[in-house]
Protein backbone atom coordinates (compact mmCIF):
# COMPACT_ATOMS: atom_id res chain seq x y z
CA MET A 1 -0.16 -0.22 -0.17
CA ALA A 2 2.70 1.92 0.73
CA ASN A 3 3.93 2.18 -2.71
CA MET A 4 0.63 2.92 -4.56
CA ALA A 5 0.74 5.45 -2.10
CA ALA A 6 4.09 6.77 -3.03
CA GLN A 7 2.92 6.80 -6.50
CA ILE A 8 -1.40 8.33 -5.26
CA PHE A 9 0.73 10.98 -4.01
CA ASP A 10 3.61 13.85 -4.31
CA ASP A 11 4.86 14.49 -1.13
CA MET A 12 7.66 16.68 -2.03
CA GLY A 13 10.34 13.51 -0.63
CA GLY A 14 8.85 13.70 2.39
CA LYS A 15 9.02 17.50 2.99
CA PHE A 16 4.91 18.05 2.73
CA GLN A 17 3.74 16.44 6.83
CA ALA A 18 0.60 18.36 7.21
CA ARG A 19 -2.80 17.52 8.94
CA LEU A 20 -5.73 18.04 9.16
CA LYS A 21 -6.22 20.52 13.27
CA GLY A 22 -9.73 21.74 12.45
CA MET A 23 -13.30 22.87 9.98
CA ARG A 24 -14.54 26.52 9.63
CA THR A 25 -18.03 27.65 8.32
CA GLU A 26 -17.83 31.36 6.68
CA THR A 27 -20.78 33.21 5.89
CA LYS A 28 -19.55 36.35 3.64
CA SER A 29 -22.51 39.24 2.01
CA ALA A 30 -22.37 41.40 -0.36
CA SER A 31 -22.13 44.81 0.37
CA SER A 32 -26.13 45.50 -1.36
CA GLY A 33 -26.82 42.27 1.36
CA GLN A 34 -29.02 40.80 -1.27
CA PHE A 35 -26.40 37.34 -1.63
CA GLU A 36 -24.90 35.88 0.68
CA GLY A 37 -22.74 32.92 0.84
CA THR A 38 -21.37 30.26 3.04
CA MET A 39 -18.45 28.05 3.15
CA ASN A 40 -16.72 24.74 4.84
CA VAL A 41 -12.47 24.89 4.88
CA ALA A 42 -10.48 22.84 6.53
CA LEU A 43 -7.27 23.84 8.57
CA LEU A 44 -4.37 22.25 7.52
CA GLU A 45 -1.31 22.23 9.31
CA ALA A 46 1.68 21.42 7.37
CA LYS A 47 5.62 21.15 8.91
CA PHE A 48 7.50 24.50 7.32
CA ASP A 49 9.80 23.64 4.81
CA MET A 50 10.72 27.11 1.49
CA ASP A 51 10.08 24.80 -1.49
CA VAL A 52 6.63 23.30 0.30
CA PHE A 53 5.53 27.31 0.91
CA ASP A 54 6.40 27.90 -2.63
CA ARG A 55 4.42 24.75 -4.11
CA LEU A 56 1.81 25.69 -2.07
CA HIS A 57 1.22 28.91 -4.04
CA ASP A 58 -0.26 27.28 -7.31
CA PRO A 59 -3.76 25.70 -6.62
CA THR A 60 -3.03 22.26 -5.54
CA PHE A 61 -5.94 19.27 -4.53
CA VAL A 62 -4.95 17.11 -1.02
CA ALA A 63 -6.39 14.09 0.06
CA ILE A 64 -7.02 13.91 3.15
CA GLU A 65 -7.29 10.82 4.85
CA ARG A 66 -10.29 8.89 7.03
CA SER A 67 -11.29 5.01 8.37
CA SER A 68 -14.45 3.73 7.48
CA ASN A 69 -16.23 0.67 6.94
CA SER A 70 -14.49 -0.45 3.80
CA GLY A 71 -10.95 1.14 4.98
CA THR A 72 -9.23 3.51 4.37
CA THR A 73 -10.53 6.67 1.59
CA TYR A 74 -9.03 9.96 0.75
CA LEU A 75 -11.19 13.23 0.83
CA VAL A 76 -10.16 15.99 -1.79
CA TYR A 77 -10.29 18.93 -1.23
CA GLU A 78 -8.26 22.10 -3.26
CA VAL A 79 -6.20 24.37 -0.72
CA VAL A 80 -8.31 28.02 -0.82
CA SER A 81 -5.40 29.81 1.27
CA VAL A 82 -1.45 29.42 2.29
CA HIS A 83 -0.32 31.56 6.22
CA PRO A 84 2.98 31.69 7.18
CA MET A 85 3.68 30.82 10.48
CA HIS A 86 6.04 31.69 13.84
CA TYR A 87 4.89 30.77 17.67
CA GLN A 88 6.84 33.98 18.69
CA MET A 89 4.68 36.15 16.79
CA LEU A 90 1.84 34.54 18.52
CA GLY A 91 2.37 36.91 21.88
CA VAL A 92 3.50 39.77 19.35
CA THR A 93 1.25 43.26 20.13
CA ALA A 94 1.23 46.56 19.88
CA SER A 95 1.56 46.27 23.86
CA ILE A 96 4.98 45.27 23.87
CA PRO A 97 7.21 47.82 23.28
CA GLN A 98 9.05 48.49 19.80
CA GLN A 99 12.51 48.02 20.40
CA ILE A 100 11.61 44.00 22.08
CA ARG A 101 9.12 43.75 18.60
CA GLU A 102 12.07 44.49 16.27
CA GLU A 103 14.08 41.84 18.38
CA PHE A 104 11.33 39.09 17.54
CA LEU A 105 10.70 40.32 14.71
CA GLU A 106 14.45 40.35 13.18
CA ARG A 107 15.50 36.09 15.46
CA VAL A 108 11.51 35.59 13.80
CA SER A 109 13.24 36.30 9.64
CA GLU A 110 16.18 34.65 10.78
CA SER A 111 14.19 31.77 11.69
CA TRP A 112 11.84 30.64 8.70
CA GLY A 113 13.18 26.99 7.59
CA HIS A 114 15.51 26.29 10.44
CA SER A 115 13.19 26.50 13.89
CA GLN A 116 10.72 24.13 14.81
CA GLU A 117 8.56 27.09 15.79
CA THR A 118 6.84 27.72 11.72
CA TRP A 119 4.22 25.61 10.04
CA ILE A 120 2.31 26.44 7.00
CA ASP A 121 -2.01 27.21 8.18
CA LEU A 122 -3.65 25.91 5.28
CA GLY A 123 -7.33 26.01 3.90
CA ALA A 124 -8.34 23.54 1.90
CA TYR A 125 -12.55 24.07 -0.09
CA GLN A 126 -13.95 20.13 -0.30
CA THR A 127 -13.87 19.26 -3.25
CA GLY A 128 -16.98 16.72 -3.01
CA TYR A 129 -15.24 13.40 -3.54
CA ARG A 130 -13.54 11.19 -2.62
CA LEU A 131 -10.49 8.64 -3.48
CA SER A 132 -9.99 4.89 -3.08
CA LEU A 133 -6.98 3.44 -4.01
CA VAL A 134 -8.06 0.08 -6.57
CA ALA A 135 -5.40 -2.34 -7.63
CA GLY A 136 -3.04 0.02 -7.21
CA LYS A 137 -4.87 3.16 -9.14
CA PRO A 138 -6.98 5.43 -7.71
CA GLU A 139 -10.69 6.21 -8.45
CA PHE A 140 -13.00 9.29 -8.12
CA GLU A 141 -16.74 8.75 -6.64
CA ARG A 142 -18.75 11.78 -4.99
CA SER A 143 -18.85 11.30 -0.96
CA SER A 144 -20.37 13.62 1.68
CA LEU A 145 -18.09 12.32 4.38
CA THR A 146 -15.96 14.83 7.33
CA PRO A 147 -12.68 14.42 7.65
CA LEU A 148 -11.34 13.67 11.70
CA GLN A 149 -9.05 16.26 13.49
CA GLY A 150 -5.47 15.05 13.74
CA SER A 151 -5.65 13.20 10.11
CA VAL A 152 -3.27 12.75 8.06
CA ALA A 153 -3.33 15.23 4.64
CA HIS A 154 -1.37 13.76 1.04
CA ILE A 155 -0.43 16.63 -2.16
CA LEU A 156 -1.83 14.60 -4.38
CA SER A 157 0.27 13.37 -7.81
CA ARG A 158 -0.07 15.13 -10.67
CA GLU A 159 -0.86 12.06 -12.63
CA SER A 160 -3.52 11.79 -9.68
CA VAL A 161 -5.09 14.88 -10.43
CA GLU A 162 -4.84 14.45 -14.11
CA GLU A 163 -6.84 10.88 -12.91
CA PHE A 164 -9.42 12.81 -11.31
CA LEU A 165 -10.16 16.38 -13.78
CA CYS A 166 -9.63 15.18 -17.84
CA VAL A 167 -11.37 13.41 -20.22
CA ARG A 168 -9.22 10.83 -22.49
CA ASP A 169 -8.48 12.32 -25.49
CA GLY A 170 -10.82 15.08 -24.96
CA LEU A 171 -10.93 19.05 -26.26
CA GLU A 172 -7.83 21.09 -24.42
CA VAL A 173 -9.28 24.35 -22.83
CA GLY A 174 -6.04 24.78 -20.58
CA LYS A 175 -2.98 24.21 -19.01
CA VAL A 176 -3.86 22.87 -15.46
CA LYS A 177 -1.45 26.42 -13.25
CA GLY A 178 1.19 24.39 -10.65
CA LEU A 179 1.20 21.33 -13.47
CA ASP A 180 1.93 20.48 -17.15
CA ILE A 181 -0.80 19.31 -17.27
CA ARG A 182 -3.28 19.29 -20.39
CA LEU A 183 -6.87 19.93 -18.63
CA LYS A 184 -9.12 18.22 -21.17
CA VAL A 185 -13.10 18.71 -21.26
CA ASP A 186 -15.38 16.60 -23.25
CA ASP A 187 -15.97 19.51 -26.36
CA PRO A 188 -19.81 17.45 -27.45
CA SER A 189 -20.83 18.70 -23.50
CA LEU A 190 -19.39 21.51 -22.60
CA VAL A 191 -21.46 23.05 -25.91
CA MET A 192 -24.33 21.08 -25.49
CA TYR A 193 -24.80 22.57 -22.04
CA HIS A 194 -23.87 26.18 -22.60
CA VAL A 195 -21.24 27.78 -21.53
CA GLY A 196 -19.78 30.85 -19.58
CA VAL A 197 -16.80 33.78 -19.59
CA PHE A 198 -16.97 35.44 -17.24
CA ALA A 199 -13.80 38.56 -16.90
CA PHE A 200 -12.87 42.11 -16.86
CA THR A 201 -12.30 44.26 -19.61
CA GLY A 202 -8.77 43.61 -20.91
CA SER A 203 -8.19 39.85 -19.54
CA GLY A 204 -8.84 38.72 -23.02
CA LYS A 205 -12.21 36.95 -22.96
CA SER A 206 -12.09 37.31 -26.90
CA ASN A 207 -9.09 35.65 -26.94
CA LEU A 208 -10.26 32.40 -25.06
CA THR A 209 -13.83 32.11 -26.71
CA SER A 210 -12.15 32.81 -30.02
CA TYR A 211 -9.66 29.82 -28.84
CA ILE A 212 -12.74 27.67 -27.86
CA VAL A 213 -15.02 28.29 -31.60
CA ARG A 214 -11.80 27.33 -33.21
CA SER A 215 -10.59 24.36 -31.55
CA LEU A 216 -14.98 23.33 -32.22
CA MET A 217 -15.20 23.71 -35.02
CA GLU A 218 -11.99 21.45 -35.68
CA ARG A 219 -13.44 18.94 -33.73
CA ASP A 220 -16.31 18.87 -34.98
CA ARG A 221 -16.69 19.69 -38.87
CA ARG A 222 -21.21 19.37 -38.11
CA LEU A 223 -20.62 22.32 -36.12
CA LYS A 224 -22.34 25.81 -36.98
CA VAL A 225 -21.41 28.63 -34.40
CA CYS A 226 -22.68 32.24 -35.03
CA VAL A 227 -20.90 35.19 -33.23
CA LEU A 228 -23.53 38.03 -32.53
CA ASP A 229 -19.89 40.66 -32.28
CA VAL A 230 -21.18 44.17 -30.80
CA SER A 231 -17.06 44.86 -30.66
CA GLY A 232 -16.14 44.30 -33.85
CA GLU A 233 -13.55 42.15 -32.01
CA TYR A 234 -14.46 38.37 -34.22
CA ALA A 235 -13.92 39.02 -37.91
CA VAL A 236 -10.33 38.95 -36.90
CA GLN A 237 -9.58 36.95 -33.76
CA LEU A 238 -11.34 33.98 -36.18
CA ILE A 239 -10.29 34.85 -39.65
CA ASP A 240 -8.80 32.00 -40.83
CA ARG A 241 -12.20 30.60 -40.70
CA LEU A 242 -13.77 33.55 -42.73
CA ASP A 243 -12.52 30.64 -45.57
CA ASP A 244 -16.27 28.76 -44.79
CA GLY A 245 -17.88 32.04 -43.26
CA MET A 246 -19.36 34.86 -43.88
CA VAL A 247 -20.15 39.30 -41.85
CA LEU A 248 -23.59 40.27 -42.05
CA THR A 249 -23.08 43.97 -40.30
CA THR A 250 -25.72 47.13 -40.04
CA GLU A 251 -23.35 49.47 -41.01
CA GLU A 252 -22.83 51.34 -44.13
CA PHE A 253 -19.70 50.79 -45.65
CA ASP A 254 -18.68 51.83 -49.26
CA ASP A 255 -16.02 50.07 -49.51
CA VAL A 256 -13.67 47.28 -48.09
CA GLU A 257 -11.44 49.69 -46.24
CA LYS A 258 -13.16 51.02 -43.50
CA PHE A 259 -14.78 47.88 -42.58
CA ALA A 260 -11.48 46.82 -41.92
CA GLN A 261 -10.71 49.70 -39.79
CA SER A 262 -14.34 49.50 -37.60
CA GLN A 263 -12.14 46.09 -36.60
CA VAL A 264 -10.25 46.37 -33.51
CA MET A 265 -6.42 44.55 -34.47
CA PRO A 266 -5.28 43.53 -30.73
CA GLU A 267 -2.33 45.80 -30.10
CA THR A 268 -0.59 41.98 -28.51
CA LEU A 269 -0.70 40.79 -31.81
CA GLY A 270 2.38 42.69 -33.82
CA LEU A 271 1.39 41.66 -37.06
CA SER A 272 3.40 43.39 -39.78
CA THR A 273 2.56 45.06 -42.89
CA LYS A 274 2.63 42.09 -44.86
CA GLN A 275 0.18 40.45 -42.33
CA GLU A 276 -1.98 43.36 -42.14
CA LYS A 277 -2.31 43.96 -45.65
CA ARG A 278 -3.47 40.19 -45.66
CA VAL A 279 -5.85 41.02 -42.88
CA HIS A 280 -7.09 43.64 -45.70
CA ALA A 281 -7.46 41.15 -48.70
CA ILE A 282 -8.92 38.46 -46.48
CA PHE A 283 -11.91 41.11 -45.94
CA GLN A 284 -11.55 41.77 -49.87
CA LYS A 285 -12.21 38.86 -50.71
CA LEU A 286 -14.69 38.50 -48.57
CA ARG A 287 -16.28 41.52 -50.03
CA ASP A 288 -16.45 40.07 -53.54
CA ASP A 289 -17.35 37.11 -52.86
CA GLY A 290 -20.47 38.08 -51.71
CA ARG A 291 -20.39 36.78 -48.33
CA LEU A 292 -19.64 40.78 -46.65
CA LYS A 293 -23.34 42.00 -46.80
CA TYR A 294 -24.99 44.57 -45.30
CA LEU A 295 -28.20 43.38 -43.01
CA MET A 296 -30.75 44.98 -43.58
CA LEU A 297 -33.39 45.98 -40.68
CA ASP A 298 -36.01 46.98 -42.45
CA GLU A 299 -37.94 44.87 -44.55
CA GLN A 300 -39.92 47.52 -46.18
CA THR A 301 -36.78 48.94 -47.63
CA LEU A 302 -35.74 46.27 -49.76
CA GLN A 303 -38.94 46.09 -51.41
CA TRP A 304 -38.67 49.74 -52.33
CA ASP A 305 -38.59 49.62 -56.11
CA LEU A 306 -39.81 52.87 -58.62
CA GLU A 307 -43.26 52.23 -59.19
CA LYS A 308 -43.43 51.92 -55.19
CA LEU A 309 -41.70 55.58 -54.88
CA TYR A 310 -43.75 57.34 -57.56
CA ARG A 311 -47.31 56.44 -55.92
CA ILE A 312 -46.48 57.59 -52.83
CA LEU A 313 -46.21 60.81 -54.42
CA GLN A 314 -49.42 59.93 -56.12
CA ALA A 315 -51.05 59.55 -53.36
CA MET A 316 -49.99 63.05 -52.23
CA LEU A 317 -52.08 64.36 -55.40
CA GLU A 318 -55.02 62.21 -54.97
CA GLY A 319 -54.91 62.67 -51.27
CA GLY A 320 -55.62 67.20 -51.49
CA LYS A 321 -53.00 67.64 -49.55
CA VAL A 322 -51.12 71.48 -49.47
CA GLY A 323 -48.55 71.92 -52.79
CA SER A 324 -49.80 69.51 -54.73
CA LEU A 325 -48.32 71.27 -58.33
CA PRO A 326 -44.88 71.14 -56.74
CA VAL A 327 -45.66 67.70 -56.24
CA GLU A 328 -47.22 66.69 -59.37
CA GLY A 329 -43.93 68.29 -60.58
CA THR A 330 -42.02 66.36 -59.18
CA LEU A 331 -43.45 63.28 -60.32
CA SER A 332 -43.46 64.22 -63.41
CA SER A 333 -40.12 65.12 -63.64
CA LEU A 334 -38.92 61.43 -62.33
CA LYS A 335 -40.96 59.70 -64.63
CA SER A 336 -39.44 61.50 -67.88
CA HIS A 337 -36.28 60.37 -66.37
CA PHE A 338 -36.16 57.65 -65.59
CA ALA A 339 -38.05 56.42 -68.77
CA SER A 340 -35.81 58.33 -70.77
CA SER A 341 -33.18 55.87 -70.26
CA GLY A 342 -35.49 53.19 -69.98
CA THR A 343 -35.61 52.00 -66.79
CA PRO A 344 -38.23 50.04 -65.62
CA GLN A 345 -40.51 50.94 -62.84
CA ARG A 346 -40.45 47.61 -60.98
CA THR A 347 -36.01 48.05 -61.04
CA LEU A 348 -35.29 48.42 -57.15
CA ILE A 349 -34.53 51.70 -55.77
CA GLN A 350 -31.15 49.33 -54.26
CA LYS A 351 -30.02 48.81 -58.15
CA LEU A 352 -30.03 51.84 -59.51
CA GLY A 353 -26.98 53.96 -60.25
CA SER A 354 -25.74 56.75 -57.81
CA ALA A 355 -25.99 59.45 -60.68
CA ASP A 356 -29.91 58.18 -60.55
CA LEU A 357 -29.87 58.18 -56.51
CA ASP A 358 -28.39 61.49 -56.34
CA TYR A 359 -31.47 62.71 -59.58
CA ILE A 360 -33.90 61.21 -56.77
CA ILE A 361 -33.16 63.10 -54.06
CA LYS A 362 -31.97 66.05 -55.47
CA GLU A 363 -36.00 66.50 -57.42
CA LEU A 364 -37.03 64.79 -52.99
CA GLU A 365 -34.77 68.14 -52.05
CA SER A 366 -36.24 70.50 -54.11
CA LEU A 367 -39.46 69.61 -53.22
CA ARG A 368 -39.30 69.99 -49.75
CA GLN A 369 -38.66 73.30 -49.79
CA LYS A 370 -41.52 74.02 -52.18
CA LEU A 371 -43.60 72.72 -49.75
CA HIS A 372 -45.13 74.55 -46.77
CA GLU A 373 -43.46 74.26 -43.72
CA LYS A 374 -46.54 72.73 -42.20
CA SER A 375 -47.70 71.28 -45.56
CA SER A 376 -48.52 67.03 -43.79
CA ALA A 377 -46.89 66.21 -46.88
CA ILE A 378 -43.41 67.52 -45.81
CA LYS A 379 -43.43 63.78 -43.95
CA ASP A 380 -43.76 61.89 -46.40
CA VAL A 381 -41.19 63.60 -48.44
CA ASP A 382 -38.90 63.28 -45.84
CA ALA A 383 -39.69 58.89 -45.19
CA ALA A 384 -38.85 58.96 -48.66
CA LEU A 385 -35.35 60.73 -48.43
CA GLU A 386 -34.66 58.58 -45.40
CA ILE A 387 -35.26 55.82 -47.17
CA ILE A 388 -33.21 56.99 -50.59
CA ASN A 389 -30.29 58.22 -48.39
CA MET A 390 -30.32 54.50 -47.08
CA GLN A 391 -30.39 53.00 -50.40
CA LYS A 392 -27.69 55.43 -51.66
CA SER A 393 -25.23 54.76 -48.13
CA SER A 394 -25.33 51.17 -48.55
CA ALA A 395 -25.52 50.96 -52.66
CA GLY A 396 -21.38 49.19 -52.40
CA SER A 397 -23.04 46.80 -50.42
CA VAL A 398 -24.23 43.14 -50.89
CA ILE A 399 -27.45 42.99 -49.68
CA GLY A 400 -27.37 39.83 -46.97
CA GLY A 401 -31.47 40.17 -46.80
CA THR A 402 -33.48 40.34 -42.73
CA PRO A 403 -32.14 38.87 -40.08
CA GLU A 404 -34.97 36.48 -40.17
CA GLN A 405 -33.40 35.64 -43.77
CA ALA A 406 -29.79 35.45 -42.24
CA ALA A 407 -31.29 32.71 -39.98
CA TYR A 408 -32.81 30.89 -43.15
CA ASP A 409 -29.30 31.21 -44.76
CA PHE A 410 -26.73 30.18 -41.82
CA LEU A 411 -28.84 27.14 -41.12
CA ALA A 412 -29.73 25.42 -45.26
CA GLY A 413 -26.80 27.43 -46.36
CA ASP A 414 -22.68 25.55 -46.24
CA GLU A 415 -21.69 28.42 -44.15
CA ARG A 416 -20.02 26.72 -41.27
CA LEU A 417 -19.47 30.39 -39.33
CA LEU A 418 -21.78 33.73 -39.23
CA ILE A 419 -21.14 36.77 -37.03
CA LEU A 420 -23.04 39.62 -36.82
CA TYR A 421 -21.36 43.31 -36.22
CA THR A 422 -24.07 45.06 -35.07
CA PRO A 423 -21.39 47.78 -33.64
CA GLU A 424 -24.92 50.49 -31.65
CA PRO A 425 -26.49 48.42 -29.30
CA ARG A 426 -29.74 48.48 -30.04
CA LEU A 427 -29.92 47.18 -33.69
CA ALA A 428 -27.86 44.95 -31.49
CA GLN A 429 -30.68 44.14 -29.83
CA GLU A 430 -33.26 43.95 -32.95
CA ALA A 431 -30.68 42.03 -34.45
CA ALA A 432 -30.49 39.37 -32.50
CA ALA A 433 -34.29 38.91 -30.72
CA ARG A 434 -35.48 39.13 -34.50
CA PHE A 435 -32.25 36.07 -35.63
CA LEU A 436 -32.47 33.68 -32.56
CA ASP A 437 -36.69 34.17 -32.94
CA ARG A 438 -36.59 32.76 -36.36
CA MET A 439 -33.53 30.15 -35.70
CA LEU A 440 -35.49 29.08 -33.24
CA PHE A 441 -38.68 28.15 -34.92
CA LEU A 442 -36.69 26.81 -38.10
CA LYS A 443 -35.33 24.54 -36.03
CA LYS A 444 -38.35 23.41 -34.53
CA VAL A 445 -40.74 22.79 -37.12
CA HIS A 446 -38.38 22.88 -40.51
CA GLY A 447 -35.81 19.79 -38.92
CA PHE A 448 -33.12 22.63 -39.20
CA ARG A 449 -31.58 19.61 -36.55
CA GLN A 450 -27.42 20.55 -37.34
CA LYS A 451 -25.12 22.69 -33.86
CA VAL A 452 -25.27 25.45 -33.66
CA LEU A 453 -23.30 27.23 -31.76
CA VAL A 454 -24.61 30.99 -30.12
CA VAL A 455 -21.86 33.19 -29.03
CA ILE A 456 -23.11 36.24 -27.24
CA ASP A 457 -20.22 38.99 -26.75
CA GLU A 458 -21.79 40.89 -24.16
CA ALA A 459 -24.22 39.85 -23.70
CA GLN A 460 -25.19 41.83 -20.35
CA GLU A 461 -26.11 43.96 -23.60
CA PHE A 462 -28.46 41.44 -25.07
CA ALA A 463 -29.65 39.79 -21.69
CA THR A 464 -29.99 42.48 -18.46
CA ASN A 465 -31.28 41.86 -14.96
CA ASP A 466 -31.70 45.60 -15.17
CA PRO A 467 -34.98 46.36 -13.84
CA ARG A 468 -35.32 49.84 -14.31
CA GLY A 469 -33.41 49.67 -17.90
CA PRO A 470 -35.99 49.31 -21.19
CA GLN A 471 -37.49 45.69 -21.71
CA ILE A 472 -35.86 44.29 -24.79
CA ASP A 473 -37.27 41.21 -27.22
CA SER A 474 -32.96 40.38 -27.09
CA ASN A 475 -34.02 39.81 -22.76
CA ARG A 476 -37.01 37.25 -24.25
CA ALA A 477 -34.64 35.23 -27.06
CA VAL A 478 -31.74 34.63 -25.40
CA GLU A 479 -32.93 32.90 -22.12
CA ALA A 480 -36.01 31.55 -24.85
CA LEU A 481 -32.41 30.12 -26.30
CA LEU A 482 -31.06 28.72 -23.00
CA ARG A 483 -34.38 27.16 -21.84
CA GLN A 484 -35.22 25.27 -24.54
CA GLY A 485 -32.73 25.27 -27.38
CA ARG A 486 -30.84 22.44 -26.61
CA LYS A 487 -33.75 20.17 -27.37
CA TYR A 488 -32.82 21.11 -31.02
CA GLY A 489 -29.16 21.28 -30.96
CA ALA A 490 -28.77 24.77 -30.60
CA SER A 491 -26.63 26.56 -27.79
CA ALA A 492 -25.31 29.38 -26.23
CA LEU A 493 -21.37 31.10 -25.30
CA ILE A 494 -22.27 33.85 -23.92
CA SER A 495 -19.26 36.61 -21.90
CA THR A 496 -19.84 39.09 -20.45
CA GLN A 497 -18.10 41.32 -17.43
CA ARG A 498 -20.45 42.75 -16.03
CA VAL A 499 -22.36 38.90 -14.63
CA ALA A 500 -24.12 40.69 -12.37
CA HIS A 501 -26.45 42.85 -15.36
CA LEU A 502 -27.02 39.69 -16.48
CA ASN A 503 -30.62 37.80 -16.45
CA THR A 504 -29.87 36.11 -13.89
CA ASN A 505 -33.03 33.24 -14.91
CA ALA A 506 -30.06 33.33 -18.46
CA LEU A 507 -27.13 32.63 -16.14
CA GLN A 508 -28.54 29.40 -14.56
CA GLN A 509 -28.59 27.96 -17.53
CA LEU A 510 -24.40 27.68 -18.34
CA HIS A 511 -22.88 24.35 -17.33
CA SER A 512 -19.32 25.24 -17.92
CA TYR A 513 -18.17 28.79 -16.79
CA PHE A 514 -14.13 30.82 -16.37
CA VAL A 515 -13.60 32.93 -14.56
CA SER A 516 -11.55 35.35 -14.52
CA THR A 517 -10.43 39.15 -12.90
CA LEU A 518 -13.72 40.39 -11.60
CA PRO A 519 -12.72 43.34 -9.63
CA ARG A 520 -16.63 43.91 -8.26
CA TYR A 521 -17.24 41.55 -5.57
CA TYR A 522 -20.80 41.60 -6.19
CA ASP A 523 -20.00 40.75 -9.02
CA ARG A 524 -18.28 37.28 -7.37
CA MET A 525 -21.11 37.34 -5.39
CA VAL A 526 -23.35 36.71 -8.55
CA ILE A 527 -21.64 33.49 -9.35
CA ALA A 528 -21.16 32.42 -6.01
CA ASP A 529 -25.14 32.20 -5.38
CA SER A 530 -25.70 30.85 -8.66
CA PHE A 531 -23.13 28.08 -9.18
CA SER A 532 -23.33 27.04 -5.31
CA LEU A 533 -19.14 27.81 -5.80
CA ASP A 534 -17.01 28.48 -3.01
CA LEU A 535 -16.56 32.10 -2.26
CA GLY A 536 -12.87 31.15 -0.81
CA VAL A 537 -12.08 29.47 -3.96
CA LEU A 538 -13.59 33.09 -5.85
CA GLN A 539 -12.44 35.07 -4.12
CA LYS A 540 -8.28 33.68 -6.01
CA THR A 541 -9.18 34.65 -8.87
CA THR A 542 -8.70 38.33 -8.43
CA GLU A 543 -4.98 37.06 -8.48
CA LEU A 544 -5.10 35.83 -12.30
CA GLN A 545 -3.00 37.69 -14.95
CA THR A 546 -4.19 37.84 -18.37
CA GLY A 547 -5.22 34.23 -19.96
CA GLU A 548 -5.64 32.55 -16.02
CA TRP A 549 -9.11 31.55 -15.85
CA LEU A 550 -11.15 30.00 -13.14
CA PHE A 551 -12.36 26.52 -15.21
CA VAL A 552 -15.71 24.63 -13.12
CA SER A 553 -18.16 22.62 -15.24
CA TYR A 554 -21.24 20.36 -14.48
CA LYS A 555 -21.26 18.68 -17.65
CA ALA A 556 -17.71 18.96 -19.41
CA THR A 557 -14.62 17.80 -16.62
CA ARG A 558 -14.75 14.51 -15.58
CA GLN A 559 -15.87 14.85 -12.35
CA LYS A 560 -18.10 17.24 -12.07
CA ASN A 561 -18.51 20.75 -10.08
CA VAL A 562 -14.06 21.05 -9.14
CA PRO A 563 -12.84 23.96 -9.55
CA VAL A 564 -9.33 24.42 -11.82
CA PHE A 565 -7.32 26.72 -12.22
CA ILE A 566 -6.21 26.77 -15.74
CA GLU A 567 -3.71 29.22 -18.37
CA ALA A 568 -5.57 29.08 -21.51
CA PRO A 569 -3.73 28.57 -24.58
CA ASN A 570 -3.17 32.35 -26.94
CA ASN A 571 -6.02 32.80 -29.57
CA GLU A 572 -3.63 35.24 -31.54
CA ASP A 573 -0.37 32.25 -31.90
CA ALA A 574 -2.79 30.96 -34.05
CA LEU A 575 -3.54 34.15 -36.13
CA ARG A 576 -0.17 35.01 -36.49
CA LYS A 577 1.04 31.45 -37.89
CA TYR A 578 -1.78 31.87 -40.45
CA LEU A 579 -1.83 35.04 -42.22
CA SER A 580 2.10 34.42 -42.12
CA ALA A 581 0.83 32.01 -44.71
CA ALA A 582 0.78 32.26 -48.28
CA GLY A 583 -2.36 34.01 -49.13
CA PRO A 584 -4.43 35.96 -50.37
CA GLY A 585 -1.98 39.73 -49.32
CA THR A 586 1.27 37.44 -49.59
CA GLU A 587 3.83 36.33 -51.52
CA ALA A 588 4.62 32.61 -50.80
CA SER A 589 7.90 31.53 -49.28
């Protein structure tokens, strides 16, 4: 048994010697008083050793021995706090004269690692699992056993942690901090049961999200992904996936350079001039192929033709509105102009050339000046001018239809990646609501059952819990996707920096989530309350660097609901490799 245990545990050559001192229950509340969380902490005392002390600053799993009717088992805990202790400091208070205190401190400083009066206090979070040795191999199962004071504790070896957490042949989501272990998860479960990415600005949310999307698409050729992008980040972050992708935008770009300038180029990417040219060349090819399109939210504007413009002017005449004479003159001029060029009346406005659009705008503006300022006809003219100007500004764009049409084309077409770039929040909410409603309808009624992952960036814009804010349709649509989508092969990845502003009903549908630095304690309390996560573990996220995450999953890891601190792969590595290869905008080396 001793040899078996030596393989299961890593007690650092006998340096790690620890026992359980007791248990403590802590309660913490958010400043608002709305949330209150408790955590059960095992208090361990370890012999002081500088190597052990340094090692314990990395996330560490420990196993506390526990006798039972079936023999010795080990209860698995995760270390969340480390404090060096010195016996002589216990009685040092402000009442002791300064000179004596300084002598104490000097002796204490010199004695670390040499004195028997030093030790390490550890706080460890209960994972809810126990380890048993079966034929020399670790087996893990759920357990509610309580450890006994004085019990010996061991550090789990690298191999045991890998057996505890990793799914064989799964998707790598990062490297476990402090251990050379690539955390692998069950990617079908990760997708099916919804994912959350929570972190403050600059923590790498879009980087991690893009890495996950790319990896999932590579592992499952049947998966389709739609990104609701309000920040203009994902056309670059997923540029290598645009070979079989499409971008729809509510913005009106008359040339591809303006679109490229609207997209965020990560400063850390550090692209060369040659690589930047390739980015622009890829966007140009996207436009040339008809896969960079204008998303029209007003369905009526798609149906405007010359005949409809004539009917509007004719209705002004028949209605007997003030200013009939100038209206009749404008109508006559327009009909004469387009008849002379042989342009059919059923020609769509968006199909007219720039010169023809300028002519219409000039005639309508001239008409407006001739009408009395209180004339009811002015409103009709203004509405027509707004539509014509919109058509002119999007004349250089390929029209991608409405959100409803986009949902059908996405499900029925060959493209596997769709980016809906809608930077204006109000328009983004409308586009998202209409797209998601139609996508779910098509999946329910028309049998589009292929797997779809919807990435909702800056999710607080689409699904808010602010009772003072306006009630938006996208709130309902996102909640419907999370509640019903799994039945029809639709799931979501939600990314946000303001967890506290997110729809709570939506938040509670997530089964896997990544958490990085969240400076606001209130946000951390929302996560603790929503996912029953220990506050001591969440507190450690404030120490994380960019690209480091706390990952927890109820479905995708081998053991469920075990917090793991990881270093995520850098999505930008894949971008540099792709943009350095020969392709559009580069010369083959």
